[in-house]
Amino acid sequence: MQKIRVAVIGTGRLGSIHARIYKDLQNCSLTGICDTNKLQLDEVTKNLNIPGYLDYRKLFDKVDAVSIAAPTSLHYKISSEFLNHKIHVLVEKPFTVNLKQADSLIKLASENKLILQVGHVERFNSAFGAALKHIKNPRFIECHRLSSFPNRSLDIGVVLDLMIHDIDIVLGLVNSKVKKIESVGVSVLTQFEDIANARLTFKNGCIANLTASRVSDELMRKIRIFQPNAYISLDYKEAKAGVYKKTGHSIIKENLPIEKEEPLRKELEAFLESCLTKKTPLVSGEVAREALAIALKITNLCKTNK
């Protein structure tokens, strides 16, 4: 079996999980992990028994692919350097801090014939996969993504931190362009919006209402999709999905069978497969750019309507 040499940049919560999963996968070899925080780096390298690096540049000649779970402000700089060294890149969401950087990375990956994947992990949620085959013609979509204060990702607001997951899902479900965006956001504990609501109106008439908060006392990740004669209810957190269908004058609920799997593991497996086969990733740079563009517009509106 061909093994891909891979490394992880960033030893925060998410980067540590990336490293743990890569260590367990059969078709890759975890070459190392990098972070400028030596204490944090030492803890992860000790737990996984892998080399640690304070400078990611020392990995250029040691890897074929890399996961980047560094702060958003560093995504462009680190990703571009690995792509310039002919190394495949999976970069966590949000893709970059602006569209100019996103376009540059997309072009760089294309010119070097490299895989560029962005970490929108909900695409790999088993409940979403089970529900997807039942979604035909959405007319109204409602999303709630709530969490307690994370003490991480504080260089961005809740729209780029959390809501962008649902923006990506909604754009993938609605086969139409966004015609109008309305939004409001409130700063509670940071200089950015910590709770936000956005309403997207699509050219085909579909409307999506999205709420995201990182100052709630409950954890919620739910989406409901309403379409003619049916609606689909999906709970990402619990990995549950149900379809409510009109039968005569009654509504019948069907609980969808779901094989619970770790979404991030599926995402990393898909990334490695793309690296081996050169197959376009499910969430390519181009796809992630669309979600980023909408998220940035919402963020700017939140600032205006503060």
Protein backbone atom coordinates (compact mmCIF):
# COMPACT_ATOMS: atom_id res chain seq x y z
CA MET A 1 0.00 0.00 0.00
CA GLN A 2 1.30 3.42 -0.99
CA LYS A 3 1.64 5.65 2.07
CA ILE A 4 1.43 9.43 2.00
CA ARG A 5 3.82 11.30 4.26
CA VAL A 6 1.74 13.86 6.12
CA ALA A 7 2.24 16.48 8.83
CA VAL A 8 -0.03 18.74 10.89
CA ILE A 9 0.58 22.44 11.44
CA GLY A 10 -0.98 23.56 14.71
CA THR A 11 -1.34 21.66 17.98
CA GLY A 12 -4.52 23.28 19.25
CA ARG A 13 -7.68 21.25 19.86
CA LEU A 14 -8.39 20.63 16.18
CA GLY A 15 -4.79 20.10 15.10
CA SER A 16 -4.29 17.54 17.86
CA ILE A 17 -7.32 15.60 16.59
CA HIS A 18 -5.96 15.72 13.02
CA ALA A 19 -2.69 14.26 14.28
CA ARG A 20 -4.41 11.54 16.32
CA ILE A 21 -6.46 10.42 13.31
CA TYR A 22 -3.55 10.48 10.86
CA LYS A 23 -1.54 8.38 13.30
CA ASP A 24 -4.26 5.73 13.13
CA LEU A 25 -4.82 5.68 9.35
CA GLN A 26 -3.20 2.91 7.32
CA ASN A 27 -2.51 4.77 4.05
CA CYS A 28 -0.43 7.57 5.55
CA SER A 29 2.63 8.08 7.68
CA LEU A 30 2.45 10.92 10.21
CA THR A 31 5.88 12.49 9.76
CA GLY A 32 5.54 15.23 12.33
CA ILE A 33 3.57 18.05 13.88
CA CYS A 34 4.49 21.71 14.18
CA ASP A 35 3.66 24.58 16.51
CA THR A 36 5.42 27.65 17.88
CA ASN A 37 4.07 26.85 21.35
CA LYS A 38 6.77 24.48 22.62
CA LEU A 39 4.91 23.29 25.73
CA GLN A 40 1.82 22.43 23.71
CA LEU A 41 3.93 20.85 20.97
CA ASP A 42 5.87 18.69 23.44
CA GLU A 43 2.66 17.35 24.96
CA VAL A 44 1.24 16.23 21.61
CA THR A 45 4.49 14.75 20.32
CA LYS A 46 4.93 12.82 23.55
CA ASN A 47 1.38 11.45 23.47
CA LEU A 48 1.66 10.35 19.83
CA ASN A 49 5.37 9.52 19.79
CA ILE A 50 6.08 11.61 16.69
CA PRO A 51 8.67 14.29 15.87
CA GLY A 52 7.81 17.88 16.71
CA TYR A 53 8.93 21.02 14.87
CA LEU A 54 8.87 24.68 15.89
CA ASP A 55 9.38 25.79 12.26
CA TYR A 56 7.08 24.34 9.58
CA ARG A 57 9.67 25.07 6.89
CA LYS A 58 11.72 22.14 8.15
CA LEU A 59 8.94 19.83 6.90
CA PHE A 60 9.14 20.84 3.23
CA ASP A 61 11.37 17.91 2.27
CA LYS A 62 9.70 15.43 4.61
CA VAL A 63 6.02 15.42 3.55
CA ASP A 64 3.72 14.89 0.58
CA ALA A 65 0.66 16.46 2.21
CA VAL A 66 -0.15 18.66 5.16
CA SER A 67 -3.09 19.65 7.38
CA ILE A 68 -3.06 23.29 8.44
CA ALA A 69 -4.91 24.00 11.69
CA ALA A 70 -3.15 27.26 12.55
CA PRO A 71 -4.95 30.57 13.26
CA THR A 72 -6.92 31.91 10.28
CA SER A 73 -4.57 34.87 9.86
CA LEU A 74 -1.76 32.41 9.01
CA HIS A 75 -3.70 30.18 6.60
CA TYR A 76 -2.60 31.99 3.46
CA LYS A 77 1.09 32.33 4.32
CA ILE A 78 1.53 28.71 5.42
CA SER A 79 -0.64 27.19 2.68
CA SER A 80 1.09 29.14 -0.09
CA GLU A 81 4.54 28.04 1.06
CA PHE A 82 3.58 24.36 1.10
CA LEU A 83 1.88 24.62 -2.29
CA ASN A 84 4.99 26.31 -3.69
CA HIS A 85 6.96 23.29 -2.49
CA LYS A 86 4.63 20.91 -4.40
CA ILE A 87 2.85 19.67 -1.26
CA HIS A 88 -0.90 18.93 -1.10
CA VAL A 89 -2.82 21.05 1.40
CA LEU A 90 -5.87 20.62 3.59
CA VAL A 91 -6.49 23.93 5.35
CA GLU A 92 -9.09 24.30 8.07
CA LYS A 93 -12.01 26.67 7.68
CA PRO A 94 -12.36 29.57 7.30
CA PHE A 95 -10.32 29.23 4.11
CA THR A 96 -8.54 32.62 4.30
CA VAL A 97 -9.19 36.10 5.67
CA ASN A 98 -10.20 37.54 2.28
CA LEU A 99 -11.08 36.51 -1.27
CA LYS A 100 -7.83 37.77 -2.78
CA GLN A 101 -5.90 35.27 -0.67
CA ALA A 102 -8.39 32.50 -1.53
CA ASP A 103 -8.03 33.19 -5.27
CA SER A 104 -4.26 33.16 -4.99
CA LEU A 105 -4.22 29.73 -3.27
CA ILE A 106 -6.68 28.29 -5.80
CA LYS A 107 -4.49 29.48 -8.67
CA LEU A 108 -1.33 28.20 -7.00
CA ALA A 109 -2.80 24.74 -6.45
CA SER A 110 -4.05 24.58 -10.03
CA GLU A 111 -0.72 25.65 -11.53
CA ASN A 112 1.13 23.02 -9.50
CA LYS A 113 -1.53 20.32 -10.07
CA LEU A 114 -2.00 19.90 -6.33
CA ILE A 115 -4.93 19.04 -4.09
CA LEU A 116 -6.31 21.97 -2.11
CA GLN A 117 -9.09 20.98 0.28
CA VAL A 118 -10.81 23.13 2.92
CA GLY A 119 -12.03 21.68 6.21
CA HIS A 120 -15.81 22.01 6.10
CA VAL A 121 -16.33 18.89 8.19
CA GLU A 122 -20.15 18.86 8.24
CA ARG A 123 -20.09 17.69 4.62
CA PHE A 124 -18.79 14.39 6.04
CA ASN A 125 -21.36 14.06 8.83
CA SER A 126 -23.18 10.72 8.50
CA ALA A 127 -26.54 12.29 9.32
CA PHE A 128 -26.10 14.83 6.54
CA GLY A 129 -25.16 12.08 4.12
CA ALA A 130 -28.27 10.11 5.04
CA ALA A 131 -30.53 13.14 4.65
CA LEU A 132 -29.01 14.38 1.40
CA LYS A 133 -30.77 11.84 -0.83
CA HIS A 134 -34.15 13.09 0.45
CA ILE A 135 -33.51 16.78 -0.26
CA LYS A 136 -34.99 17.67 -3.64
CA ASN A 137 -36.20 21.27 -3.87
CA PRO A 138 -35.60 23.31 -0.69
CA ARG A 139 -37.87 26.32 -0.25
CA PHE A 140 -36.95 27.31 3.31
CA ILE A 141 -33.93 26.29 5.38
CA GLU A 142 -33.38 27.04 9.06
CA CYS A 143 -30.02 26.53 10.78
CA HIS A 144 -29.02 26.86 14.43
CA ARG A 145 -25.40 26.49 15.54
CA LEU A 146 -24.91 27.41 19.19
CA SER A 147 -22.05 26.81 21.61
CA SER A 148 -20.55 28.12 24.82
CA PHE A 149 -17.62 30.54 24.68
CA PRO A 150 -14.72 28.54 23.18
CA ASN A 151 -11.60 30.53 24.22
CA ARG A 152 -10.25 29.74 20.75
CA SER A 153 -10.61 31.18 17.22
CA LEU A 154 -10.86 34.60 18.83
CA ASP A 155 -9.16 36.27 15.87
CA ILE A 156 -12.46 35.98 13.97
CA GLY A 157 -16.16 36.45 14.70
CA VAL A 158 -18.84 33.79 15.05
CA VAL A 159 -19.82 34.04 11.37
CA LEU A 160 -16.40 32.90 10.14
CA ASP A 161 -15.95 30.59 13.13
CA LEU A 162 -19.29 28.74 13.22
CA MET A 163 -21.91 30.03 10.78
CA ILE A 164 -19.67 29.37 7.79
CA HIS A 165 -20.33 25.63 8.24
CA ASP A 166 -24.04 26.20 7.59
CA ILE A 167 -23.38 28.69 4.80
CA ASP A 168 -21.37 26.00 3.01
CA ILE A 169 -24.12 23.39 3.50
CA VAL A 170 -26.90 25.74 2.37
CA LEU A 171 -25.01 26.81 -0.77
CA GLY A 172 -24.52 23.15 -1.60
CA LEU A 173 -28.23 22.39 -1.19
CA VAL A 174 -29.74 25.34 -3.06
CA ASN A 175 -29.06 25.29 -6.78
CA SER A 176 -29.30 29.05 -7.15
CA LYS A 177 -27.34 32.25 -6.59
CA VAL A 178 -27.85 34.45 -3.53
CA LYS A 179 -29.92 37.52 -4.42
CA LYS A 180 -30.10 39.31 -1.05
CA ILE A 181 -28.40 39.11 2.34
CA GLU A 182 -29.71 40.56 5.60
CA SER A 183 -27.89 40.13 8.89
CA VAL A 184 -27.28 41.47 12.37
CA GLY A 185 -24.58 40.61 14.89
CA VAL A 186 -23.79 41.49 18.50
CA SER A 187 -20.44 41.62 20.28
CA VAL A 188 -20.67 40.18 23.78
CA LEU A 189 -17.25 38.99 24.94
CA THR A 190 -14.94 39.91 22.04
CA GLN A 191 -14.42 42.76 19.59
CA PHE A 192 -16.13 40.67 16.91
CA GLU A 193 -19.73 39.49 16.61
CA ASP A 194 -20.32 36.64 19.10
CA ILE A 195 -23.93 36.01 18.10
CA ALA A 196 -25.33 36.59 14.62
CA ASN A 197 -28.36 35.98 12.45
CA ALA A 198 -28.44 36.05 8.67
CA ARG A 199 -31.21 35.69 6.13
CA LEU A 200 -30.24 34.62 2.61
CA THR A 201 -32.71 35.06 -0.24
CA PHE A 202 -31.87 33.08 -3.37
CA LYS A 203 -32.83 33.94 -6.93
CA ASN A 204 -35.06 30.84 -7.14
CA GLY A 205 -37.10 32.05 -4.16
CA CYS A 206 -35.60 29.80 -1.49
CA ILE A 207 -34.85 31.50 1.83
CA ALA A 208 -32.33 30.39 4.45
CA ASN A 209 -32.33 31.68 8.02
CA LEU A 210 -29.05 31.07 9.89
CA THR A 211 -28.29 31.71 13.56
CA ALA A 212 -24.89 31.20 15.18
CA SER A 213 -23.76 31.91 18.73
CA ARG A 214 -20.66 31.22 20.79
CA VAL A 215 -22.13 32.69 24.00
CA SER A 216 -24.94 30.19 24.61
CA ASP A 217 -25.37 27.80 27.53
CA GLU A 218 -26.39 24.93 25.25
CA LEU A 219 -24.71 23.14 22.39
CA MET A 220 -26.84 22.91 19.26
CA ARG A 221 -26.06 22.07 15.64
CA LYS A 222 -29.33 21.60 13.78
CA ILE A 223 -30.76 22.26 10.35
CA ARG A 224 -34.30 21.89 8.99
CA ILE A 225 -35.05 21.85 5.28
CA PHE A 226 -38.61 22.51 4.10
CA GLN A 227 -39.69 21.49 0.61
CA PRO A 228 -42.98 20.65 -1.14
CA ASN A 229 -44.86 17.95 0.83
CA ALA A 230 -41.96 17.20 3.18
CA TYR A 231 -39.33 18.54 5.52
CA ILE A 232 -36.08 17.09 6.79
CA SER A 233 -34.78 17.58 10.32
CA LEU A 234 -31.09 17.01 10.95
CA ASP A 235 -29.07 17.07 14.17
CA TYR A 236 -25.34 17.11 13.41
CA LYS A 237 -24.34 16.82 17.07
CA GLU A 238 -26.42 13.71 17.77
CA ALA A 239 -25.99 12.34 14.21
CA LYS A 240 -29.74 11.97 13.81
CA ALA A 241 -32.00 12.73 10.86
CA GLY A 242 -35.69 12.36 10.14
CA VAL A 243 -37.96 12.97 7.16
CA TYR A 244 -41.52 14.22 7.68
CA LYS A 245 -43.68 13.43 4.66
CA LYS A 246 -47.26 14.32 3.74
CA THR A 247 -49.40 11.23 3.27
CA GLY A 248 -53.01 12.10 2.50
CA HIS A 249 -54.00 14.51 5.26
CA SER A 250 -51.36 13.24 7.69
CA ILE A 251 -47.66 13.76 8.27
CA ILE A 252 -45.58 10.62 8.73
CA LYS A 253 -42.08 10.70 10.25
CA GLU A 254 -39.34 8.40 9.02
CA ASN A 255 -36.19 8.12 11.13
CA LEU A 256 -33.26 7.64 8.80
CA PRO A 257 -30.81 4.82 9.53
CA ILE A 258 -27.41 6.31 10.28
CA GLU A 259 -24.10 4.59 10.83
CA LYS A 260 -22.32 6.87 13.27
CA GLU A 261 -18.78 7.69 12.19
CA GLU A 262 -16.24 10.36 13.10
CA PRO A 263 -16.77 13.10 10.46
CA LEU A 264 -13.21 14.42 10.69
CA ARG A 265 -11.82 10.94 10.11
CA LYS A 266 -13.93 10.67 6.93
CA GLU A 267 -12.74 14.11 5.86
CA LEU A 268 -9.06 13.21 6.28
CA GLU A 269 -9.56 9.86 4.53
CA ALA A 270 -11.15 11.73 1.60
CA PHE A 271 -8.22 14.16 1.51
CA LEU A 272 -5.68 11.35 1.36
CA GLU A 273 -7.69 9.60 -1.37
CA SER A 274 -7.70 12.82 -3.41
CA CYS A 275 -3.94 13.10 -2.96
CA LEU A 276 -3.48 9.55 -4.27
CA THR A 277 -6.02 9.67 -7.12
CA LYS A 278 -5.91 13.42 -7.98
CA LYS A 279 -9.71 13.41 -7.64
CA THR A 280 -11.21 16.84 -6.96
CA PRO A 281 -12.06 17.13 -3.24
CA LEU A 282 -15.67 17.42 -2.11
CA VAL A 283 -14.80 20.82 -0.62
CA SER A 284 -12.27 22.22 -3.05
CA GLY A 285 -10.80 25.71 -2.85
CA GLU A 286 -13.40 26.91 -5.37
CA VAL A 287 -16.28 25.53 -3.29
CA ALA A 288 -14.89 26.98 -0.06
CA ARG A 289 -14.41 30.36 -1.73
CA GLU A 290 -18.17 30.61 -2.34
CA ALA A 291 -18.94 30.07 1.35
CA LEU A 292 -16.20 32.51 2.35
CA ALA A 293 -17.58 35.21 0.02
CA ILE A 294 -21.04 35.00 1.65
CA ALA A 295 -19.56 34.81 5.15
CA LEU A 296 -17.50 37.96 4.56
CA LYS A 297 -20.58 39.85 3.30
CA ILE A 298 -22.51 38.77 6.40
CA THR A 299 -19.63 39.81 8.64
CA ASN A 300 -19.50 43.26 7.04
CA LEU A 301 -23.26 43.66 7.45
CA CYS A 302 -22.94 42.68 11.11
CA LYS A 303 -20.42 45.50 11.56
CA THR A 304 -22.72 47.95 9.80
CA ASN A 305 -25.79 46.91 11.79
CA LYS A 306 -24.02 46.61 15.16
